[in-house]
Amino acid sequence: MFCRSVAGCPRGRGGKGVIFESSDGAWTDGTYEGQGRGFKDILVSFELYKEKAKKPDVTLVRITPEPKIGLFWSKQDRSNPKWKVPLQSSSGRANVHPESHALEGEKREAVWKQAEAAYLLRSNK
């Protein structure tokens, strides 16, 4: 209960929610780890966007700055791969695209593999 009353308190594991955009400014999505939507979900959604939009060269950018060091910002939070995505200002024109780009079969498996590879790449930086 104490945590809920303190401003800046993290929501779930990995700290506060983080908003991401595509480098072309057409896609956006965010983590809400307290509700079970983590960084891997964002990577899958982003890979689906790239596949459906036929934009393989678009990159993922983070528009939420890292929180200030404090009581609710641990070493584990700082090492979360979502904070390794480059920070950029919001385009202000992106549309939310979570899971609206459903794919089937082999394409779906390929997108999940791309998302997993992106997660592992950011985890090892």
Protein backbone atom coordinates (compact mmCIF):
# COMPACT_ATOMS: atom_id res chain seq x y z
CA MET A 1 0.00 0.00 0.00
CA PHE A 2 2.82 2.40 0.83
CA CYS A 3 4.23 1.96 -2.66
CA ARG A 4 0.97 2.96 -4.34
CA SER A 5 0.86 6.24 -2.46
CA VAL A 6 4.38 7.32 -3.44
CA ALA A 7 4.83 9.20 -6.73
CA GLY A 8 7.28 7.51 -9.05
CA CYS A 9 6.74 4.07 -7.55
CA PRO A 10 7.47 1.32 -10.07
CA ARG A 11 4.60 -0.67 -11.56
CA GLY A 12 5.51 -4.33 -11.36
CA ARG A 13 8.93 -5.86 -12.02
CA GLY A 14 11.40 -3.84 -14.06
CA GLY A 15 10.20 -0.43 -12.91
CA LYS A 16 7.74 1.94 -14.47
CA GLY A 17 5.96 1.59 -17.79
CA VAL A 18 7.95 2.69 -20.83
CA ILE A 19 6.64 4.03 -24.14
CA PHE A 20 8.32 3.13 -27.45
CA GLU A 21 7.93 4.36 -31.04
CA SER A 22 9.13 3.28 -34.44
CA SER A 23 11.85 5.43 -35.97
CA ASP A 24 9.42 6.40 -38.75
CA GLY A 25 7.00 7.76 -36.11
CA ALA A 26 4.05 5.68 -37.30
CA TRP A 27 3.84 3.07 -34.48
CA THR A 28 3.83 3.29 -30.69
CA ASP A 29 3.29 0.91 -27.79
CA GLY A 30 4.25 0.65 -24.14
CA THR A 31 5.05 -1.73 -21.31
CA TYR A 32 2.64 -2.12 -18.42
CA GLU A 33 4.42 -4.79 -16.43
CA GLY A 34 2.05 -4.55 -13.48
CA GLN A 35 -0.61 -5.80 -15.89
CA GLY A 36 1.59 -8.45 -17.53
CA ARG A 37 2.69 -6.48 -20.61
CA GLY A 38 6.47 -6.55 -20.70
CA PHE A 39 9.28 -5.62 -23.05
CA LYS A 40 9.08 -8.89 -25.01
CA ASP A 41 5.44 -8.05 -25.82
CA ILE A 42 6.62 -4.72 -27.23
CA LEU A 43 9.25 -6.40 -29.37
CA VAL A 44 6.67 -8.81 -30.78
CA SER A 45 4.25 -5.96 -31.50
CA PHE A 46 7.04 -3.95 -33.16
CA GLU A 47 8.17 -6.88 -35.32
CA LEU A 48 4.54 -7.42 -36.37
CA TYR A 49 4.31 -3.74 -37.34
CA LYS A 50 7.51 -3.96 -39.43
CA GLU A 51 6.23 -7.10 -41.17
CA LYS A 52 2.75 -5.74 -41.95
CA ALA A 53 4.00 -2.28 -42.94
CA LYS A 54 6.78 -3.81 -45.05
CA LYS A 55 9.35 -1.58 -43.33
CA PRO A 56 12.25 -3.89 -42.37
CA ASP A 57 14.71 -1.02 -41.78
CA VAL A 58 12.59 0.82 -39.19
CA THR A 59 14.15 0.76 -35.72
CA LEU A 60 12.72 0.80 -32.21
CA VAL A 61 13.21 3.93 -30.11
CA ARG A 62 12.30 4.68 -26.50
CA ILE A 63 10.51 7.94 -25.73
CA THR A 64 10.34 7.51 -21.96
CA PRO A 65 13.49 8.76 -20.20
CA GLU A 66 15.12 6.68 -17.48
CA PRO A 67 13.85 7.50 -13.99
CA LYS A 68 16.11 9.42 -11.66
CA ILE A 69 18.19 7.35 -9.28
CA GLY A 70 16.28 6.87 -6.05
CA LEU A 71 14.57 4.56 -3.64
CA PHE A 72 12.50 2.85 -6.35
CA TRP A 73 15.19 2.63 -9.07
CA SER A 74 17.44 -0.38 -8.44
CA LYS A 75 20.44 -1.86 -10.25
CA GLN A 76 18.11 -4.57 -11.57
CA ASP A 77 15.83 -1.88 -13.03
CA ARG A 78 18.77 -0.19 -14.78
CA SER A 79 19.89 -3.48 -16.32
CA ASN A 80 16.47 -4.20 -17.87
CA PRO A 81 16.92 -4.46 -21.68
CA LYS A 82 14.12 -1.95 -22.32
CA TRP A 83 16.41 0.85 -21.07
CA LYS A 84 19.04 -0.10 -23.69
CA VAL A 85 16.76 1.02 -26.52
CA PRO A 86 17.98 4.43 -27.75
CA LEU A 87 16.11 7.44 -26.33
CA GLN A 88 14.48 9.85 -28.78
CA SER A 89 11.85 12.57 -28.63
CA SER A 90 8.32 11.53 -29.51
CA SER A 91 7.18 12.24 -33.05
CA GLY A 92 3.74 13.09 -31.69
CA ARG A 93 2.10 11.40 -34.66
CA ALA A 94 2.40 7.68 -33.90
CA ASN A 95 -0.59 5.33 -33.68
CA VAL A 96 -0.93 2.55 -31.12
CA HIS A 97 -0.59 -0.88 -32.73
CA PRO A 98 -0.64 -3.59 -30.04
CA GLU A 99 -1.45 -7.02 -31.46
CA SER A 100 -3.69 -5.58 -34.15
CA HIS A 101 -1.40 -7.09 -36.76
CA ALA A 102 -2.13 -10.78 -36.24
CA LEU A 103 -0.14 -13.14 -38.43
CA GLU A 104 -0.56 -16.85 -38.94
CA GLY A 105 1.74 -19.85 -39.29
CA GLU A 106 5.32 -19.45 -40.48
CA LYS A 107 5.21 -15.64 -40.57
CA ARG A 108 4.05 -15.55 -36.97
CA GLU A 109 6.88 -17.88 -35.91
CA ALA A 110 9.40 -15.75 -37.83
CA VAL A 111 8.18 -12.60 -36.08
CA TRP A 112 8.47 -14.25 -32.66
CA LYS A 113 12.02 -15.39 -33.51
CA GLN A 114 12.95 -11.84 -34.58
CA ALA A 115 11.53 -10.44 -31.36
CA GLU A 116 13.40 -13.02 -29.26
CA ALA A 117 16.65 -12.22 -31.11
CA ALA A 118 16.11 -8.49 -30.50
CA TYR A 119 15.49 -9.15 -26.80
CA LEU A 120 18.63 -11.26 -26.47
CA LEU A 121 20.67 -8.63 -28.30
CA ARG A 122 19.53 -5.91 -25.90
CA SER A 123 19.99 -8.20 -22.89
CA ASN A 124 23.65 -8.72 -23.72
CA LYS A 125 24.63 -5.07 -24.30
